[in-house]
Amino acid sequence: MDATAPPDDEGGSERPAAFVQSLERGLAVIRAFDAEHTQLTLSEVARQTGLTRAAARRFLLTLVELGYVRFDGRLFALRPRVLELGYAYLSGLSLPEVARPHMEQLAADVHESCSLSVLDGEEIVYVARVPTKRIMTVAINLGTRFPAHATSMGRVLLASRPEPERERYLQTAQLAALTPFTVTDPDRLRRALDETLAQDWALVDQELEEGLRSIAVPVRDGDGAVLAAMNISASARHSTPEAVRDELLPPLRAAAREIELDLRRSPG
């Protein structure tokens, strides 16, 4: 039996015979919507996914029928039911449950927001968050994604990956400039990741959003492998990078250690 399927009629590469291309395209339609594109026309969905208008229309109307997308006659938008697709993964994680009480205490102690994230490809995904005040223009919720290269948690998570994986990321990732301060040069980012690995923490100064500084540390399992990263965010108007490091890093590290101890005590 042939191990691969023939290329699809829209120029796709060869896939394993078990690969369900219609599922891939349906997921691509869902991913076309994001924080900057909450409502899209049929033409916009087709353009973003590379599908024909007819194919995009079939997928969109199927998603409407299933309750994942709404349609007002011109614009399509995701409905809350789409959260079900990620809920099983998030609810199955023991880490957020274990971490949350420590994050709540940390946020109360330092009067700053605290977040926990994991790495997914070139992005971080928030799996727990304790906000204290709104200092970002974008609302952050469970499942929120940001480019890893521009975040303190992303730097920690990228630095923890094996060197060949880090190099592959540096050679292929889209290092977009989100602010004038974002590191977009692969060599500069490589040096930043090396520094993060050596010191076991990362501080990012206004690279994700102007006016925002954040510092992050790894959270490890019993074998020392990095499971996630945890950060504290602070306003750049009220704190210098040195103050963030000196005042927030010690309690952040202490909270991470407490989470790691609790994870070792947890069953399974």
Protein backbone atom coordinates (compact mmCIF):
# COMPACT_ATOMS: atom_id res chain seq x y z
CA MET A 1 0.00 0.00 0.00
CA ASP A 2 1.32 3.44 -0.93
CA ALA A 3 2.49 5.22 2.24
CA THR A 4 1.58 8.65 0.96
CA ALA A 5 -1.43 10.27 -0.60
CA PRO A 6 -1.12 12.15 -3.90
CA PRO A 7 -0.78 15.94 -3.77
CA ASP A 8 -4.11 17.70 -3.43
CA ASP A 9 -5.64 19.74 -6.24
CA GLU A 10 -4.66 23.04 -4.59
CA GLY A 11 -0.92 22.49 -4.65
CA GLY A 12 -0.44 20.80 -1.27
CA SER A 13 2.55 18.58 -0.56
CA GLU A 14 2.38 14.82 -0.18
CA ARG A 15 0.73 13.62 3.03
CA PRO A 16 0.45 10.26 4.78
CA ALA A 17 -2.35 8.10 3.43
CA ALA A 18 -4.26 8.47 6.72
CA PHE A 19 -4.14 12.28 6.50
CA VAL A 20 -7.65 13.79 6.33
CA GLN A 21 -7.24 16.88 4.23
CA SER A 22 -10.79 18.11 4.73
CA LEU A 23 -10.18 18.22 8.49
CA GLU A 24 -6.99 20.21 7.91
CA ARG A 25 -8.89 22.71 5.78
CA GLY A 26 -11.73 23.00 8.27
CA LEU A 27 -9.26 23.79 11.06
CA ALA A 28 -7.53 26.32 8.79
CA VAL A 29 -10.87 28.11 8.41
CA ILE A 30 -11.24 28.31 12.20
CA ARG A 31 -7.67 29.58 12.60
CA ALA A 32 -8.31 32.35 10.08
CA PHE A 33 -10.11 34.20 12.89
CA ASP A 34 -7.99 35.86 15.55
CA ALA A 35 -7.88 38.94 17.79
CA GLU A 36 -7.28 41.21 14.78
CA HIS A 37 -9.75 39.43 12.50
CA THR A 38 -12.78 38.64 14.64
CA GLN A 39 -15.16 39.01 11.67
CA LEU A 40 -14.35 37.99 8.12
CA THR A 41 -16.13 37.92 4.79
CA LEU A 42 -16.17 34.79 2.65
CA SER A 43 -13.54 36.29 0.35
CA GLU A 44 -11.26 37.12 3.28
CA VAL A 45 -11.50 33.57 4.66
CA ALA A 46 -10.74 32.14 1.22
CA ARG A 47 -7.74 34.45 0.83
CA GLN A 48 -6.31 33.71 4.29
CA THR A 49 -6.70 29.94 3.99
CA GLY A 50 -5.77 29.56 0.32
CA LEU A 51 -9.09 27.83 -0.38
CA THR A 52 -11.36 28.55 -3.30
CA ARG A 53 -14.45 30.63 -2.44
CA ALA A 54 -16.64 27.58 -3.04
CA ALA A 55 -14.60 25.40 -0.67
CA ALA A 56 -14.39 28.13 1.98
CA ARG A 57 -18.16 28.61 1.76
CA ARG A 58 -18.82 24.89 2.31
CA PHE A 59 -16.58 24.79 5.38
CA LEU A 60 -18.01 28.00 6.84
CA LEU A 61 -21.62 26.93 6.39
CA THR A 62 -20.83 23.55 7.94
CA LEU A 63 -19.30 25.33 10.95
CA VAL A 64 -22.36 27.57 11.15
CA GLU A 65 -24.61 24.50 11.16
CA LEU A 66 -22.50 22.91 13.93
CA GLY A 67 -22.67 26.05 16.05
CA TYR A 68 -18.99 27.03 15.90
CA VAL A 69 -19.45 30.04 13.59
CA ARG A 70 -22.20 32.66 13.21
CA PHE A 71 -23.16 34.44 10.00
CA ASP A 72 -25.07 37.74 9.75
CA GLY A 73 -25.57 37.63 6.00
CA ARG A 74 -22.20 39.22 5.18
CA LEU A 75 -19.67 38.55 7.95
CA PHE A 76 -18.65 35.32 9.62
CA ALA A 77 -17.40 35.18 13.24
CA LEU A 78 -16.54 32.48 15.75
CA ARG A 79 -19.10 31.56 18.41
CA PRO A 80 -18.22 30.67 22.03
CA ARG A 81 -18.76 26.99 21.28
CA VAL A 82 -15.38 26.93 19.51
CA LEU A 83 -13.79 27.02 22.99
CA GLU A 84 -14.90 23.39 23.40
CA LEU A 85 -12.17 22.41 20.94
CA GLY A 86 -9.44 23.47 23.35
CA TYR A 87 -11.19 22.92 26.65
CA ALA A 88 -10.47 19.20 26.83
CA TYR A 89 -6.74 19.89 26.57
CA LEU A 90 -6.73 22.74 29.07
CA SER A 91 -8.98 20.97 31.58
CA GLY A 92 -6.79 17.87 31.42
CA LEU A 93 -3.73 19.75 32.61
CA SER A 94 -2.96 19.33 36.29
CA LEU A 95 -0.38 22.11 36.17
CA PRO A 96 -2.80 25.09 36.11
CA GLU A 97 -4.73 23.66 39.05
CA VAL A 98 -1.59 23.19 41.10
CA ALA A 99 -0.12 26.54 40.09
CA ARG A 100 -3.12 28.79 40.59
CA PRO A 101 -3.08 29.12 44.41
CA HIS A 102 0.61 30.03 44.29
CA MET A 103 -0.01 32.48 41.47
CA GLU A 104 -2.82 34.12 43.42
CA GLN A 105 -0.58 34.54 46.45
CA LEU A 106 2.25 35.88 44.32
CA ALA A 107 0.00 38.41 42.58
CA ALA A 108 -1.35 39.55 45.96
CA ASP A 109 2.17 39.91 47.38
CA VAL A 110 3.68 41.91 44.52
CA HIS A 111 0.48 43.65 43.33
CA GLU A 112 1.16 42.69 39.72
CA SER A 113 -0.43 40.25 37.26
CA CYS A 114 0.92 36.71 37.06
CA SER A 115 0.59 34.29 34.13
CA LEU A 116 1.51 30.72 33.20
CA SER A 117 2.03 29.54 29.63
CA VAL A 118 3.24 26.64 27.51
CA LEU A 119 4.93 26.65 24.10
CA ASP A 120 3.01 25.66 20.98
CA GLY A 121 5.09 26.02 17.83
CA GLU A 122 6.19 29.65 17.52
CA GLU A 123 3.67 30.90 20.09
CA ILE A 124 3.02 30.78 23.79
CA VAL A 125 -0.43 29.75 25.02
CA TYR A 126 -1.78 31.02 28.34
CA VAL A 127 -3.01 28.18 30.56
CA ALA A 128 -3.45 30.16 33.81
CA ARG A 129 -3.59 33.84 34.71
CA VAL A 130 -4.19 35.98 37.79
CA PRO A 131 -4.69 39.62 36.75
CA THR A 132 -4.50 42.47 39.24
CA LYS A 133 -4.89 45.44 36.90
CA ARG A 134 -5.22 46.07 33.19
CA ILE A 135 -1.86 47.20 31.80
CA MET A 136 -2.16 45.73 28.29
CA THR A 137 -4.40 46.95 25.50
CA VAL A 138 -5.23 43.34 24.58
CA ALA A 139 -7.34 41.30 26.99
CA ILE A 140 -5.61 38.06 28.03
CA ASN A 141 -7.64 34.93 28.73
CA LEU A 142 -6.99 31.20 28.87
CA GLY A 143 -5.89 30.14 25.41
CA THR A 144 -4.57 33.59 24.43
CA ARG A 145 -1.53 33.30 22.17
CA PHE A 146 1.43 35.60 21.62
CA PRO A 147 4.57 35.23 19.50
CA ALA A 148 7.19 33.53 21.66
CA HIS A 149 10.10 35.70 20.56
CA ALA A 150 8.57 38.89 22.00
CA THR A 151 7.60 37.57 25.44
CA SER A 152 9.53 36.72 28.60
CA MET A 153 7.75 33.38 28.94
CA GLY A 154 8.47 32.61 25.30
CA ARG A 155 12.17 33.30 25.83
CA VAL A 156 12.25 30.92 28.81
CA LEU A 157 10.41 28.20 26.91
CA LEU A 158 12.47 28.57 23.75
CA ALA A 159 15.72 28.55 25.73
CA SER A 160 14.71 25.27 27.35
CA ARG A 161 14.40 23.46 24.03
CA PRO A 162 17.30 21.31 22.72
CA GLU A 163 19.84 23.31 20.73
CA PRO A 164 18.93 21.81 17.31
CA GLU A 165 15.31 22.76 17.94
CA ARG A 166 16.28 26.29 18.96
CA GLU A 167 18.36 26.68 15.82
CA ARG A 168 15.54 25.42 13.64
CA TYR A 169 13.23 27.96 15.26
CA LEU A 170 15.72 30.80 14.72
CA GLN A 171 16.08 29.90 11.05
CA THR A 172 12.38 29.54 10.26
CA ALA A 173 10.35 31.65 12.71
CA GLN A 174 8.64 34.85 11.62
CA LEU A 175 10.18 37.37 14.04
CA ALA A 176 7.68 40.18 13.61
CA ALA A 177 8.37 43.63 15.05
CA LEU A 178 5.46 44.20 17.43
CA THR A 179 6.99 47.39 18.84
CA PRO A 180 10.12 49.43 18.02
CA PHE A 181 11.86 47.46 20.79
CA THR A 182 11.11 43.93 19.55
CA VAL A 183 14.17 41.80 18.81
CA THR A 184 13.76 40.60 15.24
CA ASP A 185 17.35 39.74 14.35
CA PRO A 186 17.98 35.98 14.73
CA ASP A 187 21.53 36.51 16.00
CA ARG A 188 20.38 38.94 18.70
CA LEU A 189 17.60 36.57 19.69
CA ARG A 190 20.08 33.68 19.81
CA ARG A 191 22.23 35.66 22.25
CA ALA A 192 19.16 36.50 24.32
CA LEU A 193 18.18 32.83 24.49
CA ASP A 194 21.72 31.83 25.48
CA GLU A 195 21.61 34.43 28.27
CA THR A 196 18.20 33.19 29.38
CA LEU A 197 19.45 29.61 29.51
CA ALA A 198 22.51 30.62 31.54
CA GLN A 199 20.68 32.74 34.12
CA ASP A 200 17.43 30.71 34.18
CA TRP A 201 15.13 33.73 33.75
CA ALA A 202 14.20 36.27 31.10
CA LEU A 203 13.22 39.92 31.19
CA VAL A 204 11.54 41.46 28.15
CA ASP A 205 11.30 45.23 27.99
CA GLN A 206 8.43 46.60 25.85
CA GLU A 207 8.93 44.09 23.04
CA LEU A 208 5.37 42.75 23.08
CA GLU A 209 3.67 46.07 23.84
CA GLU A 210 5.05 49.50 24.58
CA GLY A 211 4.78 50.36 28.27
CA LEU A 212 4.94 46.70 29.37
CA ARG A 213 7.83 44.90 31.06
CA SER A 214 7.71 41.28 32.13
CA ILE A 215 10.01 38.80 33.82
CA ALA A 216 9.65 35.01 33.63
CA VAL A 217 11.11 31.83 35.08
CA PRO A 218 10.70 28.16 34.16
CA VAL A 219 8.48 25.69 36.02
CA ARG A 220 9.99 22.20 35.97
CA ASP A 221 8.84 18.67 36.65
CA GLY A 222 10.55 16.22 38.98
CA ASP A 223 13.08 15.28 36.31
CA GLY A 224 14.09 18.88 35.68
CA ALA A 225 12.30 19.23 32.35
CA VAL A 226 10.63 22.59 31.74
CA LEU A 227 6.85 22.18 31.77
CA ALA A 228 5.85 25.82 31.50
CA ALA A 229 6.95 29.37 32.14
CA MET A 230 5.52 31.80 34.70
CA ASN A 231 5.83 35.55 34.57
CA ILE A 232 5.01 38.79 36.33
CA SER A 233 4.08 41.81 34.21
CA ALA A 234 4.64 45.41 35.25
CA SER A 235 4.13 48.87 33.81
CA ALA A 236 7.25 50.38 32.31
CA ARG A 237 6.10 53.78 33.57
CA HIS A 238 6.32 52.70 37.19
CA SER A 239 9.37 50.43 37.23
CA THR A 240 12.83 50.22 35.71
CA PRO A 241 14.19 46.94 34.31
CA GLU A 242 16.56 46.77 37.29
CA ALA A 243 13.68 47.21 39.74
CA VAL A 244 11.69 44.48 37.99
CA ARG A 245 14.67 42.13 38.29
CA ASP A 246 15.57 43.01 41.89
CA GLU A 247 12.05 43.21 43.33
CA LEU A 248 10.04 40.69 41.31
CA LEU A 249 12.49 37.93 40.40
CA PRO A 250 13.04 36.55 43.96
CA PRO A 251 9.32 36.08 44.78
CA LEU A 252 8.68 34.76 41.26
CA ARG A 253 11.39 32.14 41.66
CA ALA A 254 10.10 31.20 45.11
CA ALA A 255 6.57 30.70 43.77
CA ALA A 256 7.89 28.55 40.93
CA ARG A 257 9.74 26.36 43.44
CA GLU A 258 6.56 25.92 45.48
CA ILE A 259 4.64 24.89 42.37
CA GLU A 260 7.36 22.37 41.50
CA LEU A 261 7.21 20.88 45.01
CA ASP A 262 3.42 20.55 44.80
CA LEU A 263 3.66 18.92 41.38
CA ARG A 264 5.97 16.26 42.82
CA ARG A 265 3.45 15.59 45.60
CA SER A 266 0.48 15.39 43.21
CA PRO A 267 -0.73 11.94 42.13
CA GLY A 268 -0.04 11.00 38.51
